[in-house]
Protein backbone atom coordinates (compact mmCIF):
# COMPACT_ATOMS: atom_id res chain seq x y z
CA MET A 1 -8.94 -45.75 5.43
CA PRO A 2 -5.99 -44.55 8.21
CA THR A 3 -3.31 -47.12 7.38
CA ILE A 4 -1.21 -48.29 10.69
CA ALA A 5 2.83 -50.35 10.10
CA LEU A 6 2.58 -52.66 12.66
CA LEU A 7 6.45 -53.86 13.24
CA VAL A 8 5.98 -56.41 16.39
CA GLU A 9 7.45 -59.45 16.69
CA SER A 10 5.02 -62.22 16.68
CA ALA A 11 7.18 -64.88 18.05
CA ARG A 12 7.01 -62.72 21.30
CA GLY A 13 4.10 -62.35 23.74
CA TYR A 14 4.29 -58.77 23.51
CA GLY A 15 3.99 -58.37 19.80
CA ARG A 16 1.14 -61.63 19.63
CA GLY A 17 -0.44 -58.94 22.24
CA VAL A 18 -0.05 -55.88 20.13
CA LEU A 19 -1.49 -58.09 17.36
CA SER A 20 -4.68 -58.97 19.05
CA GLY A 21 -5.39 -55.83 19.89
CA ALA A 22 -5.15 -54.29 16.64
CA ALA A 23 -7.24 -56.95 15.30
CA GLN A 24 -9.77 -56.50 18.45
CA TYR A 25 -10.22 -52.47 17.36
CA VAL A 26 -10.61 -53.17 13.72
CA GLN A 27 -13.58 -55.52 15.04
CA SER A 28 -15.21 -53.09 16.81
CA HIS A 29 -14.63 -49.99 14.79
CA GLY A 30 -13.76 -50.98 11.35
CA ARG A 31 -12.20 -48.59 9.04
CA LEU A 32 -8.20 -48.98 9.71
CA ASN A 33 -5.68 -50.32 7.53
CA ILE A 34 -2.78 -52.54 9.61
CA LEU A 35 0.33 -53.47 7.39
CA HIS A 36 2.49 -56.09 8.92
CA GLN A 37 5.10 -58.85 8.47
CA ALA A 38 7.46 -61.33 10.02
CA PHE A 39 9.59 -58.81 11.87
CA ALA A 40 12.70 -59.21 13.39
CA SER A 41 13.27 -55.98 15.66
CA ASP A 42 17.41 -56.43 15.20
CA GLU A 43 17.39 -56.98 11.24
CA GLY A 44 16.35 -53.13 10.39
CA LEU A 45 13.19 -52.04 9.41
CA PRO A 46 11.10 -53.74 5.95
CA LYS A 47 11.78 -52.60 3.09
CA TRP A 48 8.11 -52.03 2.13
CA LEU A 49 8.02 -49.11 5.17
CA THR A 50 9.75 -46.72 2.63
CA SER A 51 7.55 -46.68 -0.09
CA GLN A 52 3.95 -47.47 1.66
CA ARG A 53 1.69 -45.05 2.96
CA CYS A 54 1.26 -44.63 6.68
CA ASP A 55 -0.83 -42.31 9.00
CA GLY A 56 1.18 -43.83 12.33
CA ILE A 57 3.71 -46.91 13.07
CA LEU A 58 3.29 -48.96 16.15
CA ALA A 59 6.91 -50.83 16.65
CA SER A 60 9.03 -52.09 19.70
CA ILE A 61 12.66 -51.17 18.61
CA GLU A 62 15.64 -52.89 20.02
CA THR A 63 18.73 -50.40 18.38
CA PRO A 64 18.97 -46.20 17.90
CA GLU A 65 19.55 -46.94 14.36
CA THR A 66 16.14 -48.80 14.01
CA PHE A 67 14.87 -45.43 15.57
CA ARG A 68 16.57 -43.09 13.38
CA ALA A 69 15.40 -44.92 10.66
CA LEU A 70 11.67 -44.50 12.15
CA GLN A 71 12.73 -41.11 12.39
CA VAL A 72 13.46 -40.07 9.01
CA LEU A 73 9.72 -41.31 8.15
CA ASN A 74 7.72 -38.39 9.68
CA VAL A 75 4.94 -39.91 10.72
CA PRO A 76 3.56 -40.88 14.20
CA LEU A 77 5.30 -43.30 16.19
CA VAL A 78 4.42 -45.67 19.15
CA LEU A 79 7.28 -47.11 20.50
CA GLN A 80 8.29 -49.58 23.20
CA ARG A 81 11.72 -50.01 24.12
CA TYR A 82 12.00 -46.46 25.93
CA SER A 83 15.57 -47.01 26.97
CA ILE A 84 17.11 -47.31 24.11
CA LEU A 85 15.52 -43.91 22.96
CA ARG A 86 17.30 -42.26 26.11
CA SER A 87 20.14 -43.90 25.02
CA CYS A 88 20.49 -41.82 21.90
CA ARG A 89 20.30 -38.55 23.38
CA PHE A 90 18.13 -36.93 21.08
CA ARG A 91 17.89 -33.04 20.90
CA ASP A 92 15.38 -32.36 18.40
CA SER A 93 11.38 -31.23 19.05
CA MET A 94 10.20 -35.01 18.09
CA ALA A 95 12.10 -36.70 20.55
CA ALA A 96 10.98 -33.81 23.07
CA ARG A 97 7.33 -35.06 22.40
CA PHE A 98 7.95 -38.69 23.37
CA ARG A 99 9.80 -37.92 26.72
CA HIS A 100 6.28 -36.24 27.22
CA TRP A 101 4.22 -38.87 26.13
């Protein structure tokens, strides 16, 4: 069963919408593990993320450092805050794939 980490701030409307959409998806399609904990996008990644197997990550990020930490995990990413990504001036193929999404 696929496992997806949701790294969004549930205190914000966007984050609550992502959590609600994920719950609706699971109710209608099933077979998806969702990992989430209270997360502040400016505090860095949760410690469990580096040891937990994930098939993908949906995240709202605030800093280039957070993006780089996610990039090292080498899993598919869906990210909010494109301006942060552009400011990092990436040169590798992973960044090129983000630009074409």
